[in-house]
């Protein structure tokens, strides 16, 4: 009786451990699948490209503003206000 109990308990614990280990291994394998890595890399590249595009646009706006200031200084007139920039009330 005792021996049968411990055998059954050992088999149950072994089977449970095997199921848990296989599920863990499957999850770890899915994390490093090429499709998963590619999806994460693509998301990172999209964020980077968005930041670069925003930086370029901001640089162009600053360049145009500075050009207006320099042209106004050379002409001896007041700089024209930027049509895209909101005016203070």
PDB file of N, CA and C in Angstrom:
ATOM      1  N   UNK A   1       0.818  -1.192   0.000  1.00  0.00           N
ATOM      2  CA  UNK A   1       0.000   0.000   0.000  1.00  0.00           C
ATOM      3  C   UNK A   1       0.856   1.248   0.000  1.00  0.00           C
ATOM      4  N   UNK A   2       1.824   1.306   0.910  1.00  0.00           N
ATOM      5  CA  UNK A   2       2.682   2.485   0.981  1.00  0.00           C
ATOM      6  C   UNK A   2       3.480   2.668  -0.306  1.00  0.00           C
ATOM      7  N   UNK A   3       4.032   1.588  -0.756  1.00  0.00           N
ATOM      8  CA  UNK A   3       4.858   1.656  -1.958  1.00  0.00           C
ATOM      9  C   UNK A   3       4.032   2.117  -3.153  1.00  0.00           C
ATOM     10  N   UNK A   4       2.838   1.646  -3.303  1.00  0.00           N
ATOM     11  CA  UNK A   4       1.951   2.035  -4.399  1.00  0.00           C
ATOM     12  C   UNK A   4       1.594   3.517  -4.340  1.00  0.00           C
ATOM     13  N   UNK A   5       1.375   4.030  -3.116  1.00  0.00           N
ATOM     14  CA  UNK A   5       1.071   5.449  -2.939  1.00  0.00           C
ATOM     15  C   UNK A   5       2.231   6.307  -3.425  1.00  0.00           C
ATOM     16  N   UNK A   6       3.430   5.971  -3.005  1.00  0.00           N
ATOM     17  CA  UNK A   6       4.603   6.777  -3.372  1.00  0.00           C
ATOM     18  C   UNK A   6       4.918   6.668  -4.865  1.00  0.00           C
ATOM     19  N   UNK A   7       4.685   5.530  -5.439  1.00  0.00           N
ATOM     20  CA  UNK A   7       4.883   5.357  -6.882  1.00  0.00           C
ATOM     21  C   UNK A   7       3.893   6.249  -7.631  1.00  0.00           C
ATOM     22  N   UNK A   8       2.629   6.208  -7.202  1.00  0.00           N
ATOM     23  CA  UNK A   8       1.614   7.033  -7.855  1.00  0.00           C
ATOM     24  C   UNK A   8       1.918   8.514  -7.675  1.00  0.00           C
ATOM     25  N   UNK A   9       2.345   8.895  -6.478  1.00  0.00           N
ATOM     26  CA  UNK A   9       2.687  10.303  -6.215  1.00  0.00           C
ATOM     27  C   UNK A   9       3.875  10.739  -7.076  1.00  0.00           C
ATOM     28  N   UNK A  10       4.865   9.918  -7.197  1.00  0.00           N
ATOM     29  CA  UNK A  10       6.034  10.222  -8.016  1.00  0.00           C
ATOM     30  C   UNK A  10       5.683  10.346  -9.491  1.00  0.00           C
ATOM     31  N   UNK A  11       4.840   9.431  -9.969  1.00  0.00           N
ATOM     32  CA  UNK A  11       4.411   9.502 -11.374  1.00  0.00           C
ATOM     33  C   UNK A  11       3.594  10.767 -11.633  1.00  0.00           C
ATOM     34  N   UNK A  12       2.724  11.112 -10.691  1.00  0.00           N
ATOM     35  CA  UNK A  12       1.922  12.330 -10.841  1.00  0.00           C
ATOM     36  C   UNK A  12       2.794  13.581 -10.829  1.00  0.00           C
ATOM     37  N   UNK A  13       3.744  13.621  -9.918  1.00  0.00           N
ATOM     38  CA  UNK A  13       4.641  14.785  -9.846  1.00  0.00           C
ATOM     39  C   UNK A  13       5.505  14.863 -11.104  1.00  0.00           C
ATOM     40  N   UNK A  14       5.967  13.737 -11.579  1.00  0.00           N
ATOM     41  CA  UNK A  14       6.783  13.719 -12.793  1.00  0.00           C
ATOM     42  C   UNK A  14       6.006  14.187 -14.006  1.00  0.00           C
ATOM     43  N   UNK A  15       4.764  13.718 -14.125  1.00  0.00           N
ATOM     44  CA  UNK A  15       3.928  14.121 -15.255  1.00  0.00           C
ATOM     45  C   UNK A  15       3.615  15.613 -15.190  1.00  0.00           C
ATOM     46  N   UNK A  16       3.314  16.104 -13.992  1.00  0.00           N
ATOM     47  CA  UNK A  16       3.022  17.527 -13.819  1.00  0.00           C
ATOM     48  C   UNK A  16       4.251  18.366 -14.174  1.00  0.00           C
ATOM     49  N   UNK A  17       5.402  17.937 -13.692  1.00  0.00           N
ATOM     50  CA  UNK A  17       6.647  18.651 -14.000  1.00  0.00           C
ATOM     51  C   UNK A  17       6.941  18.666 -15.488  1.00  0.00           C
ATOM     52  N   UNK A  18       6.673  17.558 -16.163  1.00  0.00           N
ATOM     53  CA  UNK A  18       6.922  17.482 -17.604  1.00  0.00           C
ATOM     54  C   UNK A  18       5.995  18.418 -18.371  1.00  0.00           C
ATOM     55  N   UNK A  19       4.729  18.488 -17.975  1.00  0.00           N
ATOM     56  CA  UNK A  19       3.780  19.377 -18.645  1.00  0.00           C
ATOM     57  C   UNK A  19       4.180  20.833 -18.433  1.00  0.00           C
ATOM     58  N   UNK A  20       4.503  21.188 -17.201  1.00  0.00           N
ATOM     59  CA  UNK A  20       4.903  22.570 -16.894  1.00  0.00           C
ATOM     60  C   UNK A  20       6.171  22.931 -17.671  1.00  0.00           C
ATOM     61  N   UNK A  21       7.140  22.042 -17.695  1.00  0.00           N
ATOM     62  CA  UNK A  21       8.392  22.316 -18.403  1.00  0.00           C
ATOM     63  C   UNK A  21       8.169  22.460 -19.907  1.00  0.00           C
ATOM     64  N   UNK A  22       7.304  21.632 -20.475  1.00  0.00           N
ATOM     65  CA  UNK A  22       7.074  21.721 -21.922  1.00  0.00           C
ATOM     66  C   UNK A  22       6.343  23.022 -22.272  1.00  0.00           C
ATOM     67  N   UNK A  23       5.395  23.434 -21.429  1.00  0.00           N
ATOM     68  CA  UNK A  23       4.704  24.707 -21.683  1.00  0.00           C
ATOM     69  C   UNK A  23       5.675  25.876 -21.594  1.00  0.00           C
ATOM     70  N   UNK A  24       6.545  25.859 -20.590  1.00  0.00           N
ATOM     71  CA  UNK A  24       7.540  26.929 -20.429  1.00  0.00           C
ATOM     72  C   UNK A  24       8.477  26.964 -21.644  1.00  0.00           C
ATOM     73  N   UNK A  25       8.938  25.795 -22.075  1.00  0.00           N
ATOM     74  CA  UNK A  25       9.848  25.735 -23.223  1.00  0.00           C
ATOM     75  C   UNK A  25       9.164  26.239 -24.487  1.00  0.00           C
ATOM     76  N   UNK A  26       7.893  25.918 -24.675  1.00  0.00           N
ATOM     77  CA  UNK A  26       7.159  26.379 -25.855  1.00  0.00           C
ATOM     78  C   UNK A  26       7.017  27.907 -25.844  1.00  0.00           C
ATOM     79  N   UNK A  27       6.724  28.482 -24.669  1.00  0.00           N
ATOM     80  CA  UNK A  27       6.611  29.946 -24.579  1.00  0.00           C
ATOM     81  C   UNK A  27       7.945  30.618 -24.881  1.00  0.00           C
ATOM     82  N   UNK A  28       9.026  30.054 -24.360  1.00  0.00           N
ATOM     83  CA  UNK A  28      10.348  30.629 -24.616  1.00  0.00           C
ATOM     84  C   UNK A  28      10.711  30.535 -26.094  1.00  0.00           C
ATOM     85  N   UNK A  29      10.356  29.431 -26.726  1.00  0.00           N
ATOM     86  CA  UNK A  29      10.640  29.261 -28.151  1.00  0.00           C
ATOM     87  C   UNK A  29       9.837  30.247 -28.988  1.00  0.00           C
ATOM     88  N   UNK A  30       8.599  30.517 -28.596  1.00  0.00           N
ATOM     89  CA  UNK A  30       7.780  31.488 -29.332  1.00  0.00           C
ATOM     90  C   UNK A  30       8.337  32.899 -29.219  1.00  0.00           C
ATOM     91  N   UNK A  31       8.970  33.203 -28.103  1.00  0.00           N
ATOM     92  CA  UNK A  31       9.538  34.543 -27.914  1.00  0.00           C
ATOM     93  C   UNK A  31      10.684  34.815 -28.884  1.00  0.00           C
ATOM     94  N   UNK A  32      11.421  33.801 -29.245  1.00  0.00           N
ATOM     95  CA  UNK A  32      12.585  33.995 -30.109  1.00  0.00           C
ATOM     96  C   UNK A  32      12.357  33.508 -31.538  1.00  0.00           C
ATOM     97  N   UNK A  33      11.111  33.292 -31.920  1.00  0.00           N
ATOM     98  CA  UNK A  33      10.809  32.924 -33.296  1.00  0.00           C
ATOM     99  C   UNK A  33      11.183  34.082 -34.221  1.00  0.00           C
ATOM    100  N   UNK A  34      11.637  33.788 -35.413  1.00  0.00           N
ATOM    101  CA  UNK A  34      11.985  34.860 -36.349  1.00  0.00           C
ATOM    102  C   UNK A  34      10.830  35.821 -36.619  1.00  0.00           C
ATOM    103  N   UNK A  35       9.606  35.323 -36.689  1.00  0.00           N
ATOM    104  CA  UNK A  35       8.467  36.204 -36.957  1.00  0.00           C
ATOM    105  C   UNK A  35       8.257  37.184 -35.807  1.00  0.00           C
ATOM    106  N   UNK A  36       8.413  36.715 -34.586  1.00  0.00           N
ATOM    107  CA  UNK A  36       8.245  37.590 -33.428  1.00  0.00           C
ATOM    108  C   UNK A  36       9.342  38.636 -33.391  1.00  0.00           C
ATOM    109  N   UNK A  37      10.568  38.209 -33.615  1.00  0.00           N
ATOM    110  CA  UNK A  37      11.687  39.158 -33.617  1.00  0.00           C
ATOM    111  C   UNK A  37      11.533  40.187 -34.736  1.00  0.00           C
ATOM    112  N   UNK A  38      11.084  39.744 -35.892  1.00  0.00           N
ATOM    113  CA  UNK A  38      10.899  40.663 -37.021  1.00  0.00           C
ATOM    114  C   UNK A  38       9.797  41.669 -36.714  1.00  0.00           C
ATOM    115  N   UNK A  39       8.720  41.226 -36.088  1.00  0.00           N
ATOM    116  CA  UNK A  39       7.614  42.128 -35.747  1.00  0.00           C
ATOM    117  C   UNK A  39       8.080  43.190 -34.749  1.00  0.00           C
ATOM    118  N   UNK A  40       8.847  42.776 -33.750  1.00  0.00           N
ATOM    119  CA  UNK A  40       9.355  43.735 -32.768  1.00  0.00           C
ATOM    120  C   UNK A  40      10.343  44.707 -33.408  1.00  0.00           C
ATOM    121  N   UNK A  41      11.197  44.215 -34.289  1.00  0.00           N
ATOM    122  CA  UNK A  41      12.158  45.090 -34.953  1.00  0.00           C
ATOM    123  C   UNK A  41      11.447  46.077 -35.875  1.00  0.00           C
ATOM    124  N   UNK A  42      10.418  45.619 -36.575  1.00  0.00           N
ATOM    125  CA  UNK A  42       9.674  46.492 -37.469  1.00  0.00           C
ATOM    126  C   UNK A  42       9.002  47.608 -36.669  1.00  0.00           C
ATOM    127  N   UNK A  43       8.442  47.278 -35.515  1.00  0.00           N
ATOM    128  CA  UNK A  43       7.823  48.292 -34.664  1.00  0.00           C
ATOM    129  C   UNK A  43       8.840  49.330 -34.211  1.00  0.00           C
ATOM    130  N   UNK A  44      10.025  48.884 -33.852  1.00  0.00           N
ATOM    131  CA  UNK A  44      11.085  49.809 -33.443  1.00  0.00           C
ATOM    132  C   UNK A  44      11.529  50.696 -34.584  1.00  0.00           C
ATOM    133  N   UNK A  45      11.632  50.131 -35.786  1.00  0.00           N
ATOM    134  CA  UNK A  45      12.037  50.928 -36.944  1.00  0.00           C
ATOM    135  C   UNK A  45      10.973  51.958 -37.315  1.00  0.00           C
ATOM    136  N   UNK A  46       9.710  51.584 -37.158  1.00  0.00           N
ATOM    137  CA  UNK A  46       8.636  52.535 -37.455  1.00  0.00           C
ATOM    138  C   UNK A  46       8.690  53.710 -36.488  1.00  0.00           C
ATOM    139  N   UNK A  47       8.937  53.437 -35.215  1.00  0.00           N
ATOM    140  CA  UNK A  47       9.058  54.513 -34.234  1.00  0.00           C
ATOM    141  C   UNK A  47      10.241  55.403 -34.563  1.00  0.00           C
ATOM    142  N   UNK A  48      11.366  54.800 -34.933  1.00  0.00           N
ATOM    143  CA  UNK A  48      12.557  55.567 -35.268  1.00  0.00           C
ATOM    144  C   UNK A  48      12.319  56.427 -36.503  1.00  0.00           C
ATOM    145  N   UNK A  49      11.695  55.865 -37.527  1.00  0.00           N
ATOM    146  CA  UNK A  49      11.452  56.638 -38.747  1.00  0.00           C
ATOM    147  C   UNK A  49      10.495  57.791 -38.478  1.00  0.00           C
ATOM    148  N   UNK A  50       9.534  57.592 -37.599  1.00  0.00           N
ATOM    149  CA  UNK A  50       8.605  58.664 -37.239  1.00  0.00           C
ATOM    150  C   UNK A  50       9.348  59.796 -36.529  1.00  0.00           C
ATOM    151  N   UNK A  51      10.245  59.446 -35.615  1.00  0.00           N
ATOM    152  CA  UNK A  51      11.031  60.460 -34.913  1.00  0.00           C
ATOM    153  C   UNK A  51      11.934  61.228 -35.870  1.00  0.00           C
ATOM    154  N   UNK A  52      12.545  60.522 -36.800  1.00  0.00           N
ATOM    155  CA  UNK A  52      13.425  61.179 -37.770  1.00  0.00           C
ATOM    156  C   UNK A  52      12.626  62.137 -38.652  1.00  0.00           C
ATOM    157  N   UNK A  53      11.451  61.712 -39.109  1.00  0.00           N
ATOM    158  CA  UNK A  53      10.612  62.564 -39.951  1.00  0.00           C
ATOM    159  C   UNK A  53      10.179  63.820 -39.192  1.00  0.00           C
ATOM    160  N   UNK A  54       9.805  63.661 -37.917  1.00  0.00           N
ATOM    161  CA  UNK A  54       9.419  64.813 -37.114  1.00  0.00           C
ATOM    162  C   UNK A  54      10.598  65.757 -36.913  1.00  0.00           C
ATOM    163  N   UNK A  55      11.786  65.216 -36.714  1.00  0.00           N
ATOM    164  CA  UNK A  55      12.975  66.040 -36.534  1.00  0.00           C
ATOM    165  C   UNK A  55      13.295  66.826 -37.801  1.00  0.00           C
ATOM    166  N   UNK A  56      13.159  66.185 -38.932  1.00  0.00           N
ATOM    167  CA  UNK A  56      13.426  66.863 -40.202  1.00  0.00           C
ATOM    168  C   UNK A  56      12.437  68.002 -40.416  1.00  0.00           C
ATOM    169  N   UNK A  57      11.156  67.758 -40.137  1.00  0.00           N
ATOM    170  CA  UNK A  57      10.143  68.809 -40.284  1.00  0.00           C
ATOM    171  C   UNK A  57      10.427  69.982 -39.354  1.00  0.00           C
ATOM    172  N   UNK A  58      10.796  69.696 -38.131  1.00  0.00           N
ATOM    173  CA  UNK A  58      11.117  70.767 -37.177  1.00  0.00           C
ATOM    174  C   UNK A  58      12.338  71.560 -37.656  1.00  0.00           C
ATOM    175  N   UNK A  59      13.322  70.867 -38.196  1.00  0.00           N
ATOM    176  CA  UNK A  59      14.499  71.543 -38.727  1.00  0.00           C
ATOM    177  C   UNK A  59      14.156  72.450 -39.899  1.00  0.00           C
ATOM    178  N   UNK A  60      13.275  71.982 -40.778  1.00  0.00           N
ATOM    179  CA  UNK A  60      12.857  72.806 -41.916  1.00  0.00           C
ATOM    180  C   UNK A  60      12.124  74.053 -41.445  1.00  0.00           C
ATOM    181  N   UNK A  61      11.251  73.903 -40.439  1.00  0.00           N
ATOM    182  CA  UNK A  61      10.530  75.067 -39.920  1.00  0.00           C
ATOM    183  C   UNK A  61      11.497  76.082 -39.313  1.00  0.00           C
ATOM    184  N   UNK A  62      12.453  75.592 -38.543  1.00  0.00           N
ATOM    185  CA  UNK A  62      13.434  76.492 -37.929  1.00  0.00           C
ATOM    186  C   UNK A  62      14.282  77.179 -39.002  1.00  0.00           C
ATOM    187  N   UNK A  63      14.636  76.443 -40.043  1.00  0.00           N
ATOM    188  CA  UNK A  63      15.442  77.007 -41.120  1.00  0.00           C
ATOM    189  C   UNK A  63      14.662  78.108 -41.850  1.00  0.00           C
ATOM    190  N   UNK A  64      13.390  77.868 -42.132  1.00  0.00           N
ATOM    191  CA  UNK A  64      12.573  78.874 -42.817  1.00  0.00           C
ATOM    192  C   UNK A  64      12.396  80.119 -41.952  1.00  0.00           C
ATOM    193  N   UNK A  65      12.198  79.915 -40.656  1.00  0.00           N
ATOM    194  CA  UNK A  65      12.050  81.061 -39.752  1.00  0.00           C
ATOM    195  C   UNK A  65      13.332  81.885 -39.715  1.00  0.00           C
ATOM    196  N   UNK A  66      14.460  81.219 -39.606  1.00  0.00           N
ATOM    197  CA  UNK A  66      15.738  81.938 -39.567  1.00  0.00           C
ATOM    198  C   UNK A  66      15.995  82.655 -40.892  1.00  0.00           C
ATOM    199  N   UNK A  67      15.631  82.035 -42.006  1.00  0.00           N
ATOM    200  CA  UNK A  67      15.802  82.670 -43.306  1.00  0.00           C
ATOM    201  C   UNK A  67      14.965  83.947 -43.388  1.00  0.00           C
ATOM    202  N   UNK A  68      13.722  83.895 -42.905  1.00  0.00           N
ATOM    203  CA  UNK A  68      12.878  85.109 -42.898  1.00  0.00           C
ATOM    204  C   UNK A  68      13.510  86.205 -42.051  1.00  0.00           C
ATOM    205  N   UNK A  69      14.054  85.833 -40.900  1.00  0.00           N
ATOM    206  CA  UNK A  69      14.694  86.817 -40.036  1.00  0.00           C
ATOM    207  C   UNK A  69      15.900  87.453 -40.725  1.00  0.00           C
ATOM    208  N   UNK A  70      16.726  86.628 -41.366  1.00  0.00           N
ATOM    209  CA  UNK A  70      17.918  87.153 -42.034  1.00  0.00           C
ATOM    210  C   UNK A  70      17.550  88.037 -43.232  1.00  0.00           C
ATOM    211  N   UNK A  71      16.554  87.624 -44.003  1.00  0.00           N
ATOM    212  CA  UNK A  71      16.133  88.437 -45.143  1.00  0.00           C
ATOM    213  C   UNK A  71      15.563  89.770 -44.674  1.00  0.00           C
ATOM    214  N   UNK A  72      14.795  89.743 -43.597  1.00  0.00           N
ATOM    215  CA  UNK A  72      14.246  90.988 -43.059  1.00  0.00           C
ATOM    216  C   UNK A  72      15.369  91.884 -42.553  1.00  0.00           C
ATOM    217  N   UNK A  73      16.376  91.304 -41.954  1.00  0.00           N
ATOM    218  CA  UNK A  73      17.515  92.087 -41.453  1.00  0.00           C
ATOM    219  C   UNK A  73      18.279  92.720 -42.608  1.00  0.00           C
ATOM    220  N   UNK A  74      18.462  91.992 -43.688  1.00  0.00           N
ATOM    221  CA  UNK A  74      19.159  92.536 -44.849  1.00  0.00           C
ATOM    222  C   UNK A  74      18.340  93.627 -45.537  1.00  0.00           C
ATOM    223  N   UNK A  75      17.015  93.451 -45.574  1.00  0.00           N
ATOM    224  CA  UNK A  75      16.146  94.424 -46.221  1.00  0.00           C
ATOM    225  C   UNK A  75      15.889  95.634 -45.328  1.00  0.00           C
ATOM    226  N   UNK A  76      16.143  95.514 -44.024  1.00  0.00           N
ATOM    227  CA  UNK A  76      15.897  96.607 -43.097  1.00  0.00           C
ATOM    228  C   UNK A  76      14.441  96.723 -42.695  1.00  0.00           C
ATOM    229  N   UNK A  77      13.689  95.648 -42.828  1.00  0.00           N
ATOM    230  CA  UNK A  77      12.287  95.668 -42.448  1.00  0.00           C
ATOM    231  C   UNK A  77      12.054  94.712 -41.281  1.00  0.00           C
ATOM    232  N   UNK A  78      10.879  94.804 -40.705  1.00  0.00           N
ATOM    233  CA  UNK A  78      10.536  93.883 -39.619  1.00  0.00           C
ATOM    234  C   UNK A  78      10.243  92.515 -40.216  1.00  0.00           C
ATOM    235  N   UNK A  79      10.610  91.442 -39.508  1.00  0.00           N
ATOM    236  CA  UNK A  79      10.339  90.106 -40.051  1.00  0.00           C
ATOM    237  C   UNK A  79       8.844  89.835 -40.141  1.00  0.00           C
ATOM    238  N   UNK A  80       8.471  89.126 -41.212  1.00  0.00           N
ATOM    239  CA  UNK A  80       7.060  88.765 -41.404  1.00  0.00           C
ATOM    240  C   UNK A  80       6.682  87.688 -40.402  1.00  0.00           C
ATOM    241  N   UNK A  81       5.480  87.753 -39.858  1.00  0.00           N
ATOM    242  CA  UNK A  81       5.068  86.678 -38.936  1.00  0.00           C
ATOM    243  C   UNK A  81       4.859  85.373 -39.695  1.00  0.00           C
ATOM    244  N   UNK A  82       5.111  84.286 -38.997  1.00  0.00           N
ATOM    245  CA  UNK A  82       4.926  82.958 -39.568  1.00  0.00           C
ATOM    246  C   UNK A  82       3.434  82.666 -39.639  1.00  0.00           C
ATOM    247  N   UNK A  83       2.898  82.333 -40.826  1.00  0.00           N
ATOM    248  CA  UNK A  83       1.461  82.084 -40.938  1.00  0.00           C
ATOM    249  C   UNK A  83       1.013  80.828 -40.157  1.00  0.00           C
ATOM    250  N   UNK A  84       1.912  79.884 -39.932  1.00  0.00           N
ATOM    251  CA  UNK A  84       1.553  78.665 -39.226  1.00  0.00           C
ATOM    252  C   UNK A  84       1.604  78.832 -37.722  1.00  0.00           C
ATOM    253  N   UNK A  85       2.297  79.852 -37.237  1.00  0.00           N
ATOM    254  CA  UNK A  85       2.474  80.046 -35.808  1.00  0.00           C
ATOM    255  C   UNK A  85       1.323  80.852 -35.234  1.00  0.00           C
ATOM    256  N   UNK A  86       0.715  80.391 -34.140  1.00  0.00           N
ATOM    257  CA  UNK A  86      -0.402  81.144 -33.550  1.00  0.00           C
ATOM    258  C   UNK A  86       0.087  82.441 -32.921  1.00  0.00           C
ATOM    259  N   UNK A  87      -0.736  83.472 -33.004  1.00  0.00           N
ATOM    260  CA  UNK A  87      -0.370  84.775 -32.427  1.00  0.00           C
ATOM    261  C   UNK A  87      -0.896  84.859 -31.010  1.00  0.00           C
ATOM    262  N   UNK A  88      -0.183  85.617 -30.177  1.00  0.00           N
ATOM    263  CA  UNK A  88      -0.602  85.796 -28.791  1.00  0.00           C
ATOM    264  C   UNK A  88      -1.759  86.787 -28.717  1.00  0.00           C
ATOM    265  N   UNK A  89      -2.766  86.573 -27.880  1.00  0.00           N
ATOM    266  CA  UNK A  89      -3.915  87.485 -27.793  1.00  0.00           C
ATOM    267  C   UNK A  89      -3.574  88.762 -27.084  1.00  0.00           C
TER     268      UNK A  89
END
